[in-house]
Amino acid sequence: MERGQPCPRDPKFVLLRIYQITYAAFFWALASASRGAEPGNIGTFPGFEVSVTERPRDAPKVGRLFVILSHTNSPEPRLALGRTDSDAPWTLAKDVQDFKAGDVALMDGHSFAFPTTNLPPGEYYAQALFDSSSDIRSLQAPGNLYSAPQKVGPGENRLELNRRFHDEELPAQRGPVRFIRLQSELLSKFHHRPIFLRAGVILPRDYERESSRRYPLWIRIGGLGARYVAVNRLMTPGSDFSKTWLAEDTPRFILLQLDGAGPYGDPYYINSANNGPYGDALLKELIPYVEKHYRAIRKPQARVMSGVSTGGWVCLALQIFYPDFFNGAWAGCPDPVDFRALERINIYLDENAFIAPDGRDQPSERNLKGEVMLTVRREVGVENLLGRRNSYTLSGQQWGAWNAVFGPRGADGLPAPIWHPETGQIDHQVAEQWHKYDLREVLERNWKSLEPKLRGKLHIASGEADQFYLNEAMHLLDEFFTRAEPPWKGVIIYGPGKGHGWSNLSLREMLGEMQAAVEQEKKTK
């Protein structure tokens, strides 16, 4: 679960035109149209014309077009797109079809807008972005187009957008760091187009020198949307991680960093109706490839996992769904493990995701003092802006990713929304199909067969002041464990006053526990 912001890449080309706007008419119309409204369509205001004059022949022509306004051109306005706080940029968005060179798209009163509060007087810069990626739900996905920011002035305003996010290239190998891009036959068959699995690898110290030695595999999963290139940051010379990893007393593993990018956002590496067989692809394609090419032990007792936030949920789910394949999950502040507390929403009983049973706005984020910082209504509103069809279900962000992973596919072939994008009304027929991913329920329903396979293999840490209320679902899981029969043997550690991302273990301590688990399992085989 980790909310994040997009980051820039080097540009290449395209042309966008925004024209015939006078300052007075522009700000008067925007303020008049938006005053007091909720996210959605707004009234008449001066339009924006967007045209593409040059594109690669094979570039996608369908996507989501944005025009973003900001008081500054540094950082660029597009970098604030997706923010949920009071500094969220005033943005227009529109789906475009068959958008090819020479075509013009008009951004007008029929475009989606967010936020729609009054636009304060002042100087503004405009920037446009065209999100056309179908395989990576990211505003900075390879091939997406954007413009340079330009100050909005009287008369004709033109933005020459000769910038394009580079095509994907694997980073260069550096020291013990390796990168993988592997076409998945399973996922490609499901999506009817090439789908690739990406991963980062960090080799243990003395890997090249001890050429006959084999190592256990540590699968590491990051927060929401965390990319495989995180291994470069981890192994930055002098970093705490690299110093621990290379230390003589640190247990040696091959580290496999999974990639958090997929067609609907983070795929969570389990089989799902919308993302496809990511669990099977991991177990049957990616892990076997890594274990073959990098001298892993290639046995279940030598595969351990860790993750934080989204990664915490993923490693628990993988251990639960594939108990014979892995030998332990170390999970920190995992995403909701009980859907009676999807953050604070009970998807089975509540009527509305935006309004709590007490009639107040449902909170989505708090600070360590317990003060509400963000509501579900506001956060879903931003995702509706980002998502095609004006829907969070296609945003690639947190609520959209959960909806795609846990929910069914609709009659239109897209993820069926668990609640209405604008009203928050929960569709309980859709919610019923989420049961299969409710980890507490999966455990309780299958406990007699799962308990012997999971004994001592679930290690969980949860901050009691988690900013996204994830500790509430953890307590529901813990309540089951306290009455489970046969008794549960595992670890849940709570951190009083601790927030999202808290861990009870250092890296060295966690690797020590992992090594002990690998050695203990060897003795019992």
Protein backbone atom coordinates (compact mmCIF):
# COMPACT_ATOMS: atom_id res chain seq x y z
CA MET A 1 0.00 0.00 0.00
CA GLU A 2 2.35 3.01 -0.23
CA ARG A 3 1.03 6.00 -2.02
CA GLY A 4 3.67 7.57 -4.28
CA GLN A 5 4.23 10.23 -6.87
CA PRO A 6 5.39 9.88 -10.47
CA CYS A 7 8.95 10.84 -11.34
CA PRO A 8 10.35 12.35 -14.56
CA ARG A 9 12.33 10.71 -17.35
CA ASP A 10 14.19 12.09 -20.32
CA PRO A 11 11.94 13.42 -23.09
CA LYS A 12 11.49 13.06 -26.89
CA PHE A 13 8.66 14.39 -29.11
CA VAL A 14 4.98 15.42 -29.96
CA LEU A 15 3.00 18.67 -30.31
CA LEU A 16 0.11 19.90 -28.26
CA ARG A 17 -1.79 23.11 -28.89
CA ILE A 18 -3.73 25.06 -26.28
CA TYR A 19 -5.06 28.24 -27.66
CA GLN A 20 -7.29 31.34 -27.63
CA ILE A 21 -7.56 31.91 -23.89
CA THR A 22 -7.59 35.32 -22.33
CA TYR A 23 -6.51 35.52 -18.72
CA ALA A 24 -9.67 37.13 -17.43
CA ALA A 25 -12.07 34.83 -19.24
CA PHE A 26 -10.00 31.80 -18.33
CA PHE A 27 -9.96 32.35 -14.56
CA TRP A 28 -13.50 33.72 -14.36
CA ALA A 29 -14.93 30.74 -16.22
CA LEU A 30 -12.99 28.16 -14.24
CA ALA A 31 -13.91 29.68 -10.90
CA SER A 32 -17.58 30.07 -11.88
CA ALA A 33 -17.84 26.52 -13.19
CA SER A 34 -16.12 24.91 -10.25
CA ARG A 35 -17.49 26.81 -7.27
CA GLY A 36 -18.69 24.35 -4.64
CA ALA A 37 -18.98 21.37 -7.02
CA GLU A 38 -17.98 17.76 -6.49
CA PRO A 39 -15.54 15.96 -8.82
CA GLY A 40 -17.11 15.32 -12.23
CA ASN A 41 -18.25 17.20 -15.31
CA ILE A 42 -18.27 20.98 -15.06
CA GLY A 43 -19.90 23.79 -17.00
CA THR A 44 -18.74 25.94 -19.89
CA PHE A 45 -15.23 27.37 -19.94
CA PRO A 46 -12.67 28.20 -22.62
CA GLY A 47 -11.58 25.01 -24.36
CA PHE A 48 -8.18 23.47 -24.93
CA GLU A 49 -7.28 22.03 -28.30
CA VAL A 50 -4.80 19.19 -28.24
CA SER A 51 -3.26 17.96 -31.47
CA VAL A 52 -0.59 15.41 -32.27
CA THR A 53 1.61 16.28 -35.22
CA GLU A 54 4.31 13.61 -35.09
CA ARG A 55 4.38 10.15 -33.51
CA PRO A 56 6.08 6.80 -33.97
CA ARG A 57 4.04 4.72 -36.39
CA ASP A 58 3.39 1.94 -33.88
CA ALA A 59 2.58 4.24 -30.93
CA PRO A 60 -0.74 3.56 -29.12
CA LYS A 61 -3.54 5.89 -30.22
CA VAL A 62 -5.95 5.27 -27.33
CA GLY A 63 -5.44 6.72 -23.89
CA ARG A 64 -6.13 9.38 -21.27
CA LEU A 65 -5.32 13.02 -22.01
CA PHE A 66 -4.57 15.50 -19.21
CA VAL A 67 -4.07 19.26 -19.05
CA ILE A 68 -2.52 20.25 -15.71
CA LEU A 69 -2.25 23.74 -14.19
CA SER A 70 0.23 24.86 -11.55
CA HIS A 71 1.59 28.06 -10.07
CA THR A 72 5.10 26.97 -10.97
CA ASN A 73 6.96 25.29 -13.80
CA SER A 74 9.56 23.75 -11.49
CA PRO A 75 8.77 21.11 -10.48
CA GLU A 76 6.75 20.50 -13.61
CA PRO A 77 2.95 20.50 -13.17
CA ARG A 78 2.64 16.89 -14.37
CA LEU A 79 4.68 15.72 -11.38
CA ALA A 80 1.87 16.79 -9.05
CA LEU A 81 -0.76 14.81 -10.97
CA GLY A 82 -2.14 12.22 -8.58
CA ARG A 83 -1.64 14.26 -5.42
CA THR A 84 -4.52 14.02 -2.99
CA ASP A 85 -3.73 16.92 -0.64
CA SER A 86 -4.69 20.59 -0.85
CA ASP A 87 -1.90 21.17 -3.38
CA ALA A 88 -3.45 18.81 -5.93
CA PRO A 89 -3.26 20.56 -9.32
CA TRP A 90 -6.36 21.73 -11.17
CA THR A 91 -6.61 19.20 -13.98
CA LEU A 92 -8.77 18.35 -16.96
CA ALA A 93 -8.88 14.78 -18.23
CA LYS A 94 -10.49 13.03 -21.17
CA ASP A 95 -10.34 9.65 -22.88
CA VAL A 96 -9.34 9.84 -26.53
CA GLN A 97 -9.76 7.19 -29.22
CA ASP A 98 -7.76 6.71 -32.41
CA PHE A 99 -5.66 9.77 -31.52
CA LYS A 100 -3.23 9.91 -34.42
CA ALA A 101 -1.03 12.53 -36.04
CA GLY A 102 -3.08 15.45 -37.32
CA ASP A 103 -6.09 14.80 -35.08
CA VAL A 104 -7.36 17.33 -32.57
CA ALA A 105 -8.89 16.60 -29.17
CA LEU A 106 -10.95 19.33 -27.52
CA MET A 107 -10.78 19.68 -23.75
CA ASP A 108 -13.95 21.52 -22.79
CA GLY A 109 -16.92 21.42 -20.42
CA HIS A 110 -17.43 17.73 -21.16
CA SER A 111 -13.99 16.87 -19.83
CA PHE A 112 -13.57 15.45 -16.35
CA ALA A 113 -12.14 17.92 -13.83
CA PHE A 114 -10.55 17.62 -10.40
CA PRO A 115 -10.45 19.31 -7.99
CA THR A 116 -13.31 21.67 -8.70
CA THR A 117 -12.82 24.23 -5.94
CA ASN A 118 -12.26 27.87 -6.87
CA LEU A 119 -9.08 28.52 -8.78
CA PRO A 120 -7.21 31.22 -6.83
CA PRO A 121 -6.07 34.29 -8.76
CA GLY A 122 -2.48 34.28 -9.89
CA GLU A 123 -0.08 33.20 -12.57
CA TYR A 124 -0.35 29.66 -13.90
CA TYR A 125 1.64 27.26 -16.02
CA ALA A 126 -0.04 24.63 -18.19
CA GLN A 127 1.30 21.24 -19.17
CA ALA A 128 -0.25 18.31 -21.02
CA LEU A 129 0.30 14.59 -20.76
CA PHE A 130 -1.03 11.70 -22.85
CA ASP A 131 -1.10 8.37 -21.03
CA SER A 132 -1.40 5.58 -23.61
CA SER A 133 0.28 2.64 -21.89
CA SER A 134 -1.73 -0.57 -21.62
CA ASP A 135 0.80 -2.80 -19.86
CA ILE A 136 2.10 -0.49 -17.12
CA ARG A 137 -0.42 1.71 -15.33
CA SER A 138 1.90 4.62 -14.72
CA LEU A 139 1.86 8.22 -15.87
CA GLN A 140 5.56 7.93 -16.72
CA ALA A 141 5.21 4.64 -18.60
CA PRO A 142 7.45 4.20 -21.66
CA GLY A 143 5.96 5.90 -24.71
CA ASN A 144 3.73 8.34 -22.83
CA LEU A 145 3.87 11.88 -24.23
CA TYR A 146 4.09 15.20 -22.44
CA SER A 147 4.88 18.85 -23.03
CA ALA A 148 7.16 21.43 -21.53
CA PRO A 149 5.34 23.66 -19.03
CA GLN A 150 4.34 27.03 -20.44
CA LYS A 151 3.05 30.15 -18.77
CA VAL A 152 -0.59 30.85 -19.56
CA GLY A 153 -0.96 34.31 -21.06
CA PRO A 154 -3.43 36.40 -23.03
CA GLY A 155 -4.26 35.36 -26.56
CA GLU A 156 -3.06 32.14 -28.10
CA ASN A 157 -1.31 29.66 -25.81
CA ARG A 158 0.74 26.98 -27.50
CA LEU A 159 2.58 24.14 -25.87
CA GLU A 160 5.08 22.32 -28.02
CA LEU A 161 5.20 18.84 -26.63
CA ASN A 162 8.27 17.30 -28.16
CA ARG A 163 8.86 15.05 -25.15
CA ARG A 164 8.36 11.33 -24.76
CA PHE A 165 9.22 8.87 -22.04
CA HIS A 166 11.96 6.59 -23.29
CA ASP A 167 11.28 3.06 -24.41
CA GLU A 168 12.07 0.55 -21.71
CA GLU A 169 15.68 -0.50 -21.30
CA LEU A 170 17.08 -2.63 -18.52
CA PRO A 171 19.56 -0.74 -16.34
CA ALA A 172 23.20 -1.67 -16.69
CA GLN A 173 24.59 -4.45 -14.53
CA ARG A 174 26.57 -3.03 -11.61
CA GLY A 175 28.52 -5.05 -9.06
CA PRO A 176 26.28 -7.76 -7.60
CA VAL A 177 23.13 -6.25 -9.15
CA ARG A 178 21.38 -7.94 -12.10
CA PHE A 179 18.15 -7.25 -14.00
CA ILE A 180 15.65 -9.53 -15.71
CA ARG A 181 12.98 -8.93 -18.35
CA LEU A 182 11.26 -12.19 -19.19
CA GLN A 183 8.27 -12.62 -21.49
CA SER A 184 5.61 -14.62 -19.67
CA GLU A 185 3.88 -17.22 -21.79
CA LEU A 186 1.12 -17.58 -19.20
CA LEU A 187 0.35 -13.86 -18.94
CA SER A 188 0.77 -13.24 -22.67
CA LYS A 189 -1.76 -15.96 -23.42
CA PHE A 190 -4.21 -14.47 -20.91
CA HIS A 191 -3.91 -10.90 -22.22
CA HIS A 192 -3.49 -11.83 -25.92
CA ARG A 193 -0.38 -9.67 -26.21
CA PRO A 194 3.20 -9.86 -24.98
CA ILE A 195 3.43 -9.36 -21.21
CA PHE A 196 6.81 -9.23 -19.49
CA LEU A 197 7.94 -10.05 -15.97
CA ARG A 198 10.65 -7.75 -14.66
CA ALA A 199 12.83 -8.29 -11.64
CA GLY A 200 15.98 -7.15 -9.91
CA VAL A 201 18.54 -9.52 -8.43
CA ILE A 202 21.25 -8.91 -5.84
CA LEU A 203 23.89 -11.62 -5.54
CA PRO A 204 25.52 -12.42 -2.19
CA ARG A 205 29.09 -11.55 -1.32
CA ASP A 206 31.73 -13.87 -2.79
CA TYR A 207 29.22 -15.22 -5.32
CA GLU A 208 31.75 -15.16 -8.16
CA ARG A 209 34.61 -16.48 -6.03
CA GLU A 210 32.71 -19.46 -4.60
CA SER A 211 31.51 -20.76 -7.96
CA SER A 212 30.18 -24.10 -6.72
CA ARG A 213 28.13 -22.80 -3.82
CA ARG A 214 24.32 -22.61 -3.97
CA TYR A 215 22.20 -20.16 -2.01
CA PRO A 216 18.68 -19.83 -0.61
CA LEU A 217 16.35 -17.39 -2.38
CA TRP A 218 14.91 -14.34 -0.64
CA ILE A 219 11.93 -12.88 -2.53
CA ARG A 220 11.49 -9.22 -1.63
CA ILE A 221 8.26 -7.34 -2.44
CA GLY A 222 7.99 -3.58 -2.05
CA GLY A 223 5.10 -1.23 -1.39
CA LEU A 224 2.39 -0.34 -3.89
CA GLY A 225 3.88 -0.07 -7.38
CA ALA A 226 7.48 -0.44 -6.19
CA ARG A 227 9.67 -1.14 -9.22
CA TYR A 228 12.34 -3.77 -9.67
CA VAL A 229 15.03 -1.12 -10.11
CA ALA A 230 14.85 -0.53 -6.34
CA VAL A 231 17.83 -2.89 -6.08
CA ASN A 232 20.05 -0.10 -7.43
CA ARG A 233 19.01 2.14 -4.56
CA LEU A 234 19.47 -0.64 -2.02
CA MET A 235 23.03 -1.26 -3.19
CA THR A 236 24.08 2.37 -3.35
CA PRO A 237 27.67 2.39 -2.07
CA GLY A 238 27.72 3.21 1.62
CA SER A 239 23.99 2.64 2.18
CA ASP A 240 22.91 0.84 5.33
CA PHE A 241 21.51 -1.99 3.23
CA SER A 242 24.67 -2.52 1.18
CA LYS A 243 26.89 -2.42 4.26
CA THR A 244 24.75 -5.06 5.96
CA TRP A 245 24.44 -7.17 2.80
CA LEU A 246 28.20 -7.33 2.26
CA ALA A 247 29.17 -7.75 5.92
CA GLU A 248 31.01 -10.94 6.83
CA ASP A 249 28.49 -11.95 9.50
CA THR A 250 25.39 -11.48 7.30
CA PRO A 251 23.67 -14.68 6.12
CA ARG A 252 23.97 -15.07 2.36
CA PHE A 253 20.95 -15.19 0.06
CA ILE A 254 20.14 -14.45 -3.55
CA LEU A 255 17.71 -11.53 -3.43
CA LEU A 256 14.88 -11.42 -5.98
CA GLN A 257 13.07 -8.06 -6.10
CA LEU A 258 9.63 -8.33 -7.71
CA ASP A 259 8.19 -5.56 -9.88
CA GLY A 260 5.01 -3.76 -8.84
CA ALA A 261 3.85 -2.69 -12.31
CA GLY A 262 1.01 -4.34 -14.20
CA PRO A 263 -1.93 -3.68 -16.53
CA TYR A 264 -4.18 -2.44 -13.69
CA GLY A 265 -1.51 -1.28 -11.29
CA ASP A 266 0.32 -3.49 -8.84
CA PRO A 267 -0.61 -7.11 -9.74
CA TYR A 268 0.00 -8.45 -6.21
CA TYR A 269 1.48 -11.64 -7.72
CA ILE A 270 -1.55 -13.84 -7.26
CA ASN A 271 -3.90 -15.28 -9.87
CA SER A 272 -6.83 -12.95 -10.50
CA ALA A 273 -9.69 -12.57 -12.95
CA ASN A 274 -8.40 -9.24 -14.27
CA ASN A 275 -4.61 -9.31 -14.05
CA GLY A 276 -4.34 -12.96 -15.01
CA PRO A 277 -2.19 -15.78 -13.60
CA TYR A 278 0.53 -13.73 -11.90
CA GLY A 279 0.87 -16.32 -9.15
CA ASP A 280 1.43 -19.13 -11.63
CA ALA A 281 3.80 -16.95 -13.66
CA LEU A 282 5.87 -16.26 -10.56
CA LEU A 283 6.09 -19.91 -9.49
CA LYS A 284 6.38 -21.52 -12.92
CA GLU A 285 8.36 -18.94 -14.89
CA LEU A 286 10.18 -16.22 -12.96
CA ILE A 287 11.42 -18.11 -9.89
CA PRO A 288 12.58 -21.16 -11.92
CA TYR A 289 14.43 -18.81 -14.29
CA VAL A 290 16.21 -17.05 -11.43
CA GLU A 291 17.03 -20.25 -9.57
CA LYS A 292 18.47 -21.82 -12.72
CA HIS A 293 20.57 -18.85 -13.79
CA TYR A 294 21.88 -17.78 -10.38
CA ARG A 295 22.80 -20.99 -8.52
CA ALA A 296 19.92 -21.12 -6.07
CA ILE A 297 19.23 -24.21 -3.98
CA ARG A 298 15.95 -24.72 -5.87
CA LYS A 299 14.02 -26.35 -3.02
CA PRO A 300 10.95 -25.12 -1.09
CA GLN A 301 12.78 -24.96 2.24
CA ALA A 302 15.24 -22.50 0.68
CA ARG A 303 12.63 -19.95 -0.47
CA VAL A 304 11.67 -17.18 1.96
CA MET A 305 9.86 -13.89 1.45
CA SER A 306 9.50 -10.46 2.96
CA GLY A 307 7.44 -7.41 2.17
CA VAL A 308 6.11 -4.17 3.58
CA SER A 309 2.65 -2.73 2.99
CA THR A 310 1.50 -4.14 -0.36
CA GLY A 311 4.50 -6.44 -0.19
CA GLY A 312 3.46 -7.55 3.28
CA TRP A 313 0.10 -8.71 1.97
CA VAL A 314 1.67 -10.36 -1.07
CA CYS A 315 4.17 -12.45 0.88
CA LEU A 316 1.46 -13.59 3.31
CA ALA A 317 -0.86 -14.47 0.42
CA LEU A 318 1.84 -16.40 -1.43
CA GLN A 319 2.71 -18.38 1.70
CA ILE A 320 -0.97 -19.14 2.34
CA PHE A 321 -1.96 -19.95 -1.25
CA TYR A 322 1.24 -21.89 -2.02
CA PRO A 323 2.27 -23.32 1.37
CA ASP A 324 4.34 -26.14 -0.14
CA PHE A 325 6.42 -23.81 -2.31
CA PHE A 326 7.72 -21.31 0.28
CA ASN A 327 9.27 -21.57 3.72
CA GLY A 328 8.27 -18.38 5.47
CA ALA A 329 6.89 -14.86 5.10
CA TRP A 330 8.11 -11.82 7.05
CA ALA A 331 5.35 -9.23 6.60
CA GLY A 332 5.34 -5.63 7.77
CA CYS A 333 2.13 -3.56 7.98
CA PRO A 334 0.38 -5.70 5.34
CA ASP A 335 -2.55 -4.44 3.30
CA PRO A 336 -5.95 -5.51 4.67
CA VAL A 337 -5.92 -9.18 5.66
CA ASP A 338 -9.64 -9.12 6.49
CA PHE A 339 -12.13 -7.35 4.22
CA ARG A 340 -14.36 -6.48 7.13
CA ALA A 341 -11.72 -3.78 7.51
CA LEU A 342 -10.63 -2.68 4.04
CA GLU A 343 -8.92 0.21 5.77
CA ARG A 344 -12.12 1.05 7.69
CA ILE A 345 -14.73 -0.22 5.21
CA ASN A 346 -16.62 -3.45 5.84
CA ILE A 347 -17.29 -4.41 2.23
CA TYR A 348 -19.74 -7.13 3.24
CA LEU A 349 -22.01 -5.07 5.51
CA ASP A 350 -21.46 -1.36 4.84
CA GLU A 351 -23.70 0.29 2.26
CA ASN A 352 -21.33 3.02 1.17
CA ALA A 353 -17.55 3.32 0.89
CA PHE A 354 -17.52 7.11 1.21
CA ILE A 355 -19.80 7.43 4.23
CA ALA A 356 -19.11 5.61 7.50
CA PRO A 357 -21.99 3.98 9.39
CA ASP A 358 -22.02 6.97 11.78
CA GLY A 359 -22.73 9.31 8.85
CA ARG A 360 -19.30 10.92 8.67
CA ASP A 361 -16.97 10.85 5.71
CA GLN A 362 -15.03 7.59 5.73
CA PRO A 363 -11.37 8.34 6.47
CA SER A 364 -8.59 6.86 4.36
CA GLU A 365 -5.49 8.25 6.03
CA ARG A 366 -4.57 9.71 9.42
CA ASN A 367 -1.44 11.06 11.03
CA LEU A 368 0.23 9.59 14.10
CA LYS A 369 -1.96 11.80 16.30
CA GLY A 370 -5.06 10.16 14.82
CA GLU A 371 -6.14 13.25 12.90
CA VAL A 372 -7.83 12.49 9.56
CA MET A 373 -5.67 13.61 6.63
CA LEU A 374 -7.62 12.13 3.72
CA THR A 375 -11.06 10.66 3.04
CA VAL A 376 -11.98 7.76 0.78
CA ARG A 377 -14.22 10.10 -1.22
CA ARG A 378 -11.32 12.46 -1.93
CA GLU A 379 -8.84 9.70 -2.72
CA VAL A 380 -11.23 7.88 -5.05
CA GLY A 381 -12.00 11.24 -6.68
CA VAL A 382 -8.33 11.61 -7.61
CA GLU A 383 -8.29 8.05 -8.91
CA ASN A 384 -11.39 8.80 -10.99
CA LEU A 385 -9.41 11.65 -12.55
CA LEU A 386 -6.50 9.36 -13.40
CA GLY A 387 -8.53 6.39 -14.57
CA ARG A 388 -9.92 5.89 -18.02
CA ARG A 389 -13.71 6.02 -18.19
CA ASN A 390 -13.48 8.48 -15.28
CA SER A 391 -13.20 5.54 -12.91
CA TYR A 392 -10.86 4.56 -10.10
CA THR A 393 -11.08 0.99 -11.41
CA LEU A 394 -8.66 1.89 -14.23
CA SER A 395 -6.47 4.32 -12.29
CA GLY A 396 -3.62 1.95 -11.46
CA GLN A 397 -3.61 3.44 -7.96
CA GLN A 398 -4.47 1.85 -4.61
CA TRP A 399 -8.25 1.43 -4.81
CA GLY A 400 -8.03 0.54 -8.49
CA ALA A 401 -5.33 -2.04 -7.88
CA TRP A 402 -7.29 -3.69 -5.06
CA ASN A 403 -10.42 -3.71 -7.20
CA ALA A 404 -8.62 -5.42 -10.08
CA VAL A 405 -6.82 -8.00 -7.92
CA PHE A 406 -9.63 -9.00 -5.58
CA GLY A 407 -12.71 -8.50 -7.76
CA PRO A 408 -14.33 -10.18 -10.76
CA ARG A 409 -14.20 -9.19 -14.40
CA GLY A 410 -17.27 -7.33 -15.61
CA ALA A 411 -19.37 -8.04 -18.70
CA ASP A 412 -17.35 -5.39 -20.57
CA GLY A 413 -14.12 -7.29 -19.92
CA LEU A 414 -12.88 -4.73 -17.38
CA PRO A 415 -12.68 -4.95 -13.58
CA ALA A 416 -16.16 -4.84 -12.06
CA PRO A 417 -16.32 -1.92 -9.58
CA ILE A 418 -16.98 -2.87 -5.99
CA TRP A 419 -18.60 0.53 -5.52
CA HIS A 420 -19.90 3.29 -7.74
CA PRO A 421 -17.08 5.70 -8.67
CA GLU A 422 -19.11 8.84 -7.88
CA THR A 423 -21.51 7.83 -5.10
CA GLY A 424 -19.51 5.14 -3.29
CA GLN A 425 -22.52 2.81 -3.18
CA ILE A 426 -21.17 -0.71 -2.58
CA ASP A 427 -22.21 -3.49 -4.96
CA HIS A 428 -22.58 -6.45 -2.62
CA GLN A 429 -22.81 -8.94 -5.47
CA VAL A 430 -19.30 -7.90 -6.45
CA ALA A 431 -18.18 -7.87 -2.82
CA GLU A 432 -19.26 -11.50 -2.45
CA GLN A 433 -16.62 -12.46 -5.01
CA TRP A 434 -13.86 -10.90 -2.90
CA HIS A 435 -14.11 -13.69 -0.29
CA LYS A 436 -11.52 -15.84 -2.06
CA TYR A 437 -8.83 -13.20 -1.33
CA ASP A 438 -9.88 -12.44 2.25
CA LEU A 439 -6.83 -13.97 3.96
CA ARG A 440 -8.42 -14.35 7.39
CA GLU A 441 -11.37 -16.13 5.81
CA VAL A 442 -9.15 -18.35 3.65
CA LEU A 443 -7.20 -19.38 6.73
CA GLU A 444 -10.28 -19.99 8.86
CA ARG A 445 -12.04 -21.97 6.14
CA ASN A 446 -9.02 -24.20 5.45
CA TRP A 447 -7.28 -24.18 8.82
CA LYS A 448 -7.08 -27.91 9.43
CA SER A 449 -5.23 -28.53 6.18
CA LEU A 450 -3.19 -25.31 6.25
CA GLU A 451 -2.05 -25.26 9.88
CA PRO A 452 0.60 -28.01 9.59
CA LYS A 453 2.01 -26.38 6.46
CA LEU A 454 2.08 -22.86 7.93
CA ARG A 455 3.38 -23.75 11.38
CA GLY A 456 6.01 -21.19 12.36
CA LYS A 457 6.07 -19.60 8.89
CA LEU A 458 4.07 -16.37 9.34
CA HIS A 459 5.96 -13.48 10.95
CA ILE A 460 3.99 -10.21 11.09
CA ALA A 461 4.68 -6.70 12.42
CA SER A 462 1.98 -4.03 12.60
CA GLY A 463 2.12 -0.48 13.90
CA GLU A 464 -0.85 0.35 16.11
CA ALA A 465 -1.02 3.87 14.66
CA ASP A 466 -0.84 2.75 11.02
CA GLN A 467 -1.70 5.76 8.87
CA PHE A 468 -3.99 3.65 6.66
CA TYR A 469 -5.74 1.84 9.54
CA LEU A 470 -4.23 -1.50 8.49
CA ASN A 471 -3.83 -2.57 12.12
CA GLU A 472 -7.62 -2.91 12.37
CA ALA A 473 -7.71 -5.82 9.91
CA MET A 474 -4.66 -7.31 11.61
CA HIS A 475 -6.54 -7.47 14.92
CA LEU A 476 -9.39 -9.31 13.19
CA LEU A 477 -6.91 -11.88 11.90
CA ASP A 478 -5.31 -12.09 15.33
CA GLU A 479 -8.71 -12.73 16.89
CA PHE A 480 -9.05 -15.82 14.69
CA PHE A 481 -5.56 -17.00 15.61
CA THR A 482 -6.37 -16.80 19.34
CA ARG A 483 -9.24 -19.29 18.94
CA ALA A 484 -7.80 -21.40 16.11
CA GLU A 485 -7.75 -25.16 16.62
CA PRO A 486 -5.18 -26.62 16.25
CA PRO A 487 -3.47 -23.64 17.93
CA TRP A 488 -1.65 -21.19 15.71
CA LYS A 489 2.12 -21.08 15.95
CA GLY A 490 3.48 -17.88 14.49
CA VAL A 491 4.37 -14.30 15.35
CA ILE A 492 2.40 -11.05 15.37
CA ILE A 493 4.18 -8.09 16.96
CA TYR A 494 2.34 -4.78 17.48
CA GLY A 495 4.13 -1.46 17.79
CA PRO A 496 2.27 0.93 20.11
CA GLY A 497 2.25 4.41 18.59
CA LYS A 498 4.09 3.16 15.50
CA GLY A 499 2.96 4.07 12.01
CA HIS A 500 2.96 2.59 8.54
CA GLY A 501 6.27 0.98 7.62
CA TRP A 502 7.33 0.13 11.16
CA SER A 503 9.32 -3.07 11.64
CA ASN A 504 10.36 -4.89 14.80
CA LEU A 505 13.46 -6.33 13.12
CA SER A 506 16.61 -4.93 11.58
CA LEU A 507 17.71 -6.29 8.21
CA ARG A 508 20.40 -8.35 9.90
CA GLU A 509 17.95 -9.78 12.42
CA MET A 510 15.42 -10.71 9.73
CA LEU A 511 18.05 -12.43 7.58
CA GLY A 512 19.17 -14.33 10.67
CA GLU A 513 15.63 -15.58 11.27
CA MET A 514 15.33 -16.53 7.60
CA GLN A 515 18.59 -18.47 7.73
CA ALA A 516 17.42 -20.29 10.87
CA ALA A 517 14.18 -21.24 9.11
CA VAL A 518 16.08 -22.61 6.11
CA GLU A 519 18.44 -24.62 8.32
CA GLN A 520 15.63 -25.94 10.52
CA GLU A 521 13.64 -27.13 7.53
CA LYS A 522 16.71 -28.90 6.15
CA LYS A 523 16.99 -30.90 9.39
CA THR A 524 13.39 -32.12 9.15
CA LYS A 525 13.69 -33.28 5.53
